[in-house]
Amino acid sequence: MIAGERPSTKREAPDLIIFDCDGVLVDSEVIANAVMADAITELGWPVTTGYCLERFKGSHFDSVMAAIEQETGRCLSESWLPELRARTEVVFRQELKPVAGIHELLDLLENHGVPSCVASQGPHEKMAVTLEITRLKPRFEGRIFSADEVERGKPHPDLFLHAARSMGHAPERCVVIEDSPLGVQAARAAGMKAFGYDPKRQDDHLARNGAEVFTDMGALPALLGL
């Protein structure tokens, strides 16, 4: 289902909104995957940005690196990931922007007194950079959670349950805003409602995995019952 118009029946607002970071708060997916595609190609496995988005979007880097090692038949050096992150940060500082409409949405949530937090597959170090560049970090101070804090990342429910517990809310009263099928799977496994952000209408896997899909941040308040 593609959501855009205001529902005819007003919904009950959630107690907590949990945002993924990459692709939901910060418009980083194409940038990061372009840099990663170049780095992987340099290892002898020619891949494109589109391929990386298709295969790795929403994945933890442990899974990405395991796939690279399997495909290339070589072990990655300990410096490969830090060097990739450094290369990516350079481009982020030149090109990264917040997702369109996200600041306005957060203003509205604040005005309605609806709490929110971030729960990302990425490490805190990466989120500190991307949220700082996009002026989003002050909005989430003390409410940023990483998969590095739990035993299992997405698609397992651990991260979202950890975020809900830390924020003091029951899982069934939380909603998750995601842009990847793995994140949607994690939200559903946690017993949470999932909204799938798909501005280009390219990912039918979001709906297949149980998300209510929307294409514009401006449509989200009505979907949340605000």
Protein backbone atom coordinates (compact mmCIF):
# COMPACT_ATOMS: atom_id res chain seq x y z
CA MET A 1 0.00 0.00 0.00
CA ILE A 2 1.34 3.43 -0.98
CA ALA A 3 0.17 5.98 1.55
CA GLY A 4 -0.17 9.61 0.67
CA GLU A 5 -3.60 11.02 1.41
CA ARG A 6 -4.87 11.63 4.93
CA PRO A 7 -6.76 8.56 6.19
CA SER A 8 -10.49 9.03 6.59
CA THR A 9 -10.38 7.68 10.17
CA LYS A 10 -7.89 9.31 12.53
CA ARG A 11 -5.42 6.87 14.00
CA GLU A 12 -4.21 6.68 17.57
CA ALA A 13 -0.79 8.27 17.93
CA PRO A 14 2.03 6.00 19.14
CA ASP A 15 3.88 6.44 22.43
CA LEU A 16 7.30 6.34 20.74
CA ILE A 17 8.61 6.72 17.21
CA ILE A 18 11.84 4.88 16.40
CA PHE A 19 13.72 6.15 13.37
CA ASP A 20 16.30 4.27 11.39
CA CYS A 21 19.16 6.61 10.48
CA ASP A 22 20.54 6.03 6.96
CA GLY A 23 17.92 6.70 4.32
CA VAL A 24 15.32 7.85 6.85
CA LEU A 25 16.95 10.74 8.70
CA VAL A 26 19.98 11.32 6.49
CA ASP A 27 20.04 10.91 2.71
CA SER A 28 23.16 8.76 2.80
CA GLU A 29 22.37 5.49 1.08
CA VAL A 30 23.40 6.36 -2.48
CA ILE A 31 26.53 8.20 -1.31
CA ALA A 32 27.70 5.44 1.02
CA ASN A 33 27.00 2.65 -1.46
CA ALA A 34 28.78 4.49 -4.29
CA VAL A 35 31.92 4.76 -2.16
CA MET A 36 31.57 1.14 -1.10
CA ALA A 37 31.10 -0.03 -4.69
CA ASP A 38 34.37 1.64 -5.66
CA ALA A 39 36.18 0.07 -2.71
CA ILE A 40 34.83 -3.40 -3.46
CA THR A 41 35.66 -3.09 -7.14
CA GLU A 42 39.24 -2.24 -6.17
CA LEU A 43 39.40 -5.63 -4.46
CA GLY A 44 38.68 -7.39 -7.75
CA TRP A 45 34.92 -7.80 -7.47
CA PRO A 46 33.35 -5.33 -9.94
CA VAL A 47 30.07 -4.07 -8.48
CA THR A 48 27.87 -1.03 -9.00
CA THR A 49 26.18 1.35 -6.61
CA GLY A 50 22.84 -0.18 -7.55
CA TYR A 51 24.07 -3.68 -6.81
CA CYS A 52 25.34 -2.64 -3.38
CA LEU A 53 22.03 -0.96 -2.58
CA GLU A 54 20.13 -4.05 -3.67
CA ARG A 55 22.27 -6.54 -1.76
CA PHE A 56 23.58 -4.68 1.28
CA LYS A 57 21.04 -1.98 2.17
CA GLY A 58 20.26 -2.21 5.87
CA SER A 59 22.91 -4.87 6.53
CA HIS A 60 25.46 -4.82 9.33
CA PHE A 61 29.02 -4.41 8.07
CA ASP A 62 29.97 -7.81 9.47
CA SER A 63 27.63 -9.35 6.89
CA VAL A 64 28.91 -7.08 4.12
CA MET A 65 32.54 -7.97 4.82
CA ALA A 66 31.74 -11.68 5.02
CA ALA A 67 30.11 -11.48 1.57
CA ILE A 68 33.11 -9.62 0.14
CA GLU A 69 35.54 -12.20 1.50
CA GLN A 70 33.44 -15.03 0.11
CA GLU A 71 33.15 -13.46 -3.34
CA THR A 72 36.79 -12.40 -3.62
CA GLY A 73 38.34 -15.36 -1.86
CA ARG A 74 40.55 -13.08 0.20
CA CYS A 75 40.58 -11.88 3.78
CA LEU A 76 40.06 -8.18 4.27
CA SER A 77 42.77 -6.34 6.17
CA GLU A 78 42.01 -4.82 9.55
CA SER A 79 42.40 -1.40 7.97
CA TRP A 80 39.86 -1.93 5.18
CA LEU A 81 36.74 -0.91 7.10
CA PRO A 82 38.28 2.12 8.86
CA GLU A 83 39.66 3.29 5.52
CA LEU A 84 36.26 2.83 3.87
CA ARG A 85 34.59 4.84 6.63
CA ALA A 86 37.19 7.59 6.27
CA ARG A 87 36.62 7.76 2.50
CA THR A 88 32.88 7.84 3.03
CA GLU A 89 33.11 10.62 5.61
CA VAL A 90 35.00 12.82 3.16
CA VAL A 91 32.16 12.54 0.65
CA PHE A 92 29.52 12.92 3.37
CA ARG A 93 31.04 16.24 4.40
CA GLN A 94 30.81 17.41 0.81
CA GLU A 95 27.40 16.05 -0.20
CA LEU A 96 25.29 14.69 2.67
CA LYS A 97 21.90 16.27 3.34
CA PRO A 98 19.02 15.44 5.67
CA VAL A 99 16.12 13.54 4.16
CA ALA A 100 13.65 16.02 2.68
CA GLY A 101 11.06 17.12 5.22
CA ILE A 102 12.66 15.44 8.24
CA HIS A 103 13.37 18.63 10.21
CA GLU A 104 9.78 19.77 9.72
CA LEU A 105 8.51 16.35 10.84
CA LEU A 106 10.64 16.45 13.99
CA ASP A 107 9.37 19.94 14.76
CA LEU A 108 5.81 18.63 14.55
CA LEU A 109 6.56 15.64 16.81
CA GLU A 110 8.09 17.98 19.36
CA ASN A 111 5.06 20.26 19.24
CA HIS A 112 2.77 17.29 19.83
CA GLY A 113 4.94 15.93 22.65
CA VAL A 114 5.60 12.62 20.88
CA PRO A 115 9.00 11.19 21.87
CA SER A 116 11.35 9.75 19.29
CA CYS A 117 14.74 8.08 19.09
CA VAL A 118 17.19 6.60 16.57
CA ALA A 119 17.98 2.89 16.25
CA SER A 120 20.47 2.08 13.52
CA GLN A 121 22.45 -0.88 12.27
CA GLY A 122 25.44 1.46 12.04
CA PRO A 123 27.94 2.26 14.80
CA HIS A 124 27.69 5.32 17.02
CA GLU A 125 30.79 6.81 15.41
CA LYS A 126 29.12 6.87 12.00
CA MET A 127 25.85 8.29 13.31
CA ALA A 128 27.74 11.01 15.19
CA VAL A 129 29.18 12.17 11.86
CA THR A 130 26.04 11.96 9.72
CA LEU A 131 23.70 13.45 12.31
CA GLU A 132 26.14 16.27 13.03
CA ILE A 133 26.54 17.15 9.33
CA THR A 134 22.78 17.30 8.86
CA ARG A 135 22.14 19.26 12.10
CA LEU A 136 20.06 16.41 13.49
CA LYS A 137 22.31 15.33 16.34
CA PRO A 138 20.98 17.82 18.94
CA ARG A 139 17.46 16.52 18.34
CA PHE A 140 18.41 13.02 19.48
CA GLU A 141 21.06 13.51 22.18
CA GLY A 142 20.89 10.60 24.65
CA ARG A 143 18.39 8.77 22.43
CA ILE A 144 20.63 7.16 19.82
CA PHE A 145 20.93 3.35 19.77
CA SER A 146 23.21 1.15 17.69
CA ALA A 147 23.13 -2.53 16.81
CA ASP A 148 26.58 -2.68 18.39
CA GLU A 149 24.78 -2.51 21.75
CA VAL A 150 22.85 -5.75 21.27
CA GLU A 151 23.70 -9.37 20.53
CA ARG A 152 21.92 -9.48 17.18
CA GLY A 153 21.25 -6.73 14.67
CA LYS A 154 18.42 -6.44 12.17
CA PRO A 155 16.44 -8.45 11.03
CA HIS A 156 16.31 -9.66 14.64
CA PRO A 157 14.16 -7.60 17.04
CA ASP A 158 16.90 -7.00 19.64
CA LEU A 159 17.79 -3.42 18.67
CA PHE A 160 14.23 -2.10 18.55
CA LEU A 161 13.32 -3.87 21.80
CA HIS A 162 16.43 -2.37 23.40
CA ALA A 163 15.45 1.11 22.20
CA ALA A 164 11.86 0.76 23.46
CA ARG A 165 13.00 -0.58 26.82
CA SER A 166 15.58 2.18 27.23
CA MET A 167 12.96 4.81 26.39
CA GLY A 168 10.42 3.24 28.78
CA HIS A 169 7.73 2.23 26.30
CA ALA A 170 5.97 -1.05 25.52
CA PRO A 171 6.86 -2.46 22.08
CA GLU A 172 3.26 -2.61 20.96
CA ARG A 173 2.96 1.15 21.53
CA CYS A 174 5.96 1.94 19.34
CA VAL A 175 6.24 2.49 15.61
CA VAL A 176 9.35 2.17 13.48
CA ILE A 177 10.26 4.25 10.43
CA GLU A 178 12.48 2.20 8.11
CA ASP A 179 13.69 2.13 4.53
CA SER A 180 15.04 -1.43 4.33
CA PRO A 181 13.33 -4.84 4.34
CA LEU A 182 15.73 -6.02 7.08
CA GLY A 183 14.60 -3.15 9.29
CA VAL A 184 10.95 -3.84 8.59
CA GLN A 185 11.47 -7.50 9.49
CA ALA A 186 13.11 -6.44 12.76
CA ALA A 187 10.25 -4.10 13.62
CA ARG A 188 7.61 -6.73 12.94
CA ALA A 189 9.57 -9.31 14.95
CA ALA A 190 9.57 -6.82 17.84
CA GLY A 191 5.80 -6.53 17.65
CA MET A 192 5.93 -2.96 16.36
CA LYS A 193 4.10 -1.23 13.52
CA ALA A 194 6.47 -0.50 10.62
CA PHE A 195 6.24 2.34 8.14
CA GLY A 196 8.44 1.96 5.07
CA TYR A 197 9.88 5.12 3.53
CA ASP A 198 10.26 4.64 -0.23
CA PRO A 199 10.40 8.07 -1.92
CA LYS A 200 11.26 6.64 -5.34
CA ARG A 201 8.70 3.81 -5.14
CA GLN A 202 11.38 1.26 -5.98
CA ASP A 203 11.26 -1.25 -3.12
CA ASP A 204 8.21 -3.51 -3.11
CA HIS A 205 9.98 -5.65 -0.50
CA LEU A 206 8.99 -3.13 2.18
CA ALA A 207 5.28 -3.88 1.76
CA ARG A 208 5.93 -7.59 1.30
CA ASN A 209 7.62 -7.67 4.69
CA GLY A 210 4.71 -5.97 6.41
CA ALA A 211 5.38 -2.24 6.22
CA GLU A 212 2.85 0.43 5.40
CA VAL A 213 4.70 2.29 2.66
CA PHE A 214 4.81 6.06 2.25
CA THR A 215 6.73 8.24 -0.18
CA ASP A 216 6.87 11.68 1.44
CA MET A 217 7.73 12.68 5.03
CA GLY A 218 4.88 15.17 4.80
CA ALA A 219 2.42 12.26 4.70
CA LEU A 220 3.70 10.64 7.88
CA PRO A 221 1.95 12.79 10.52
CA ALA A 222 -1.49 11.72 9.31
CA LEU A 223 -0.39 8.09 9.21
CA LEU A 224 0.81 8.42 12.80
CA GLY A 225 -2.49 9.90 13.94
CA LEU A 226 -1.13 13.41 14.50
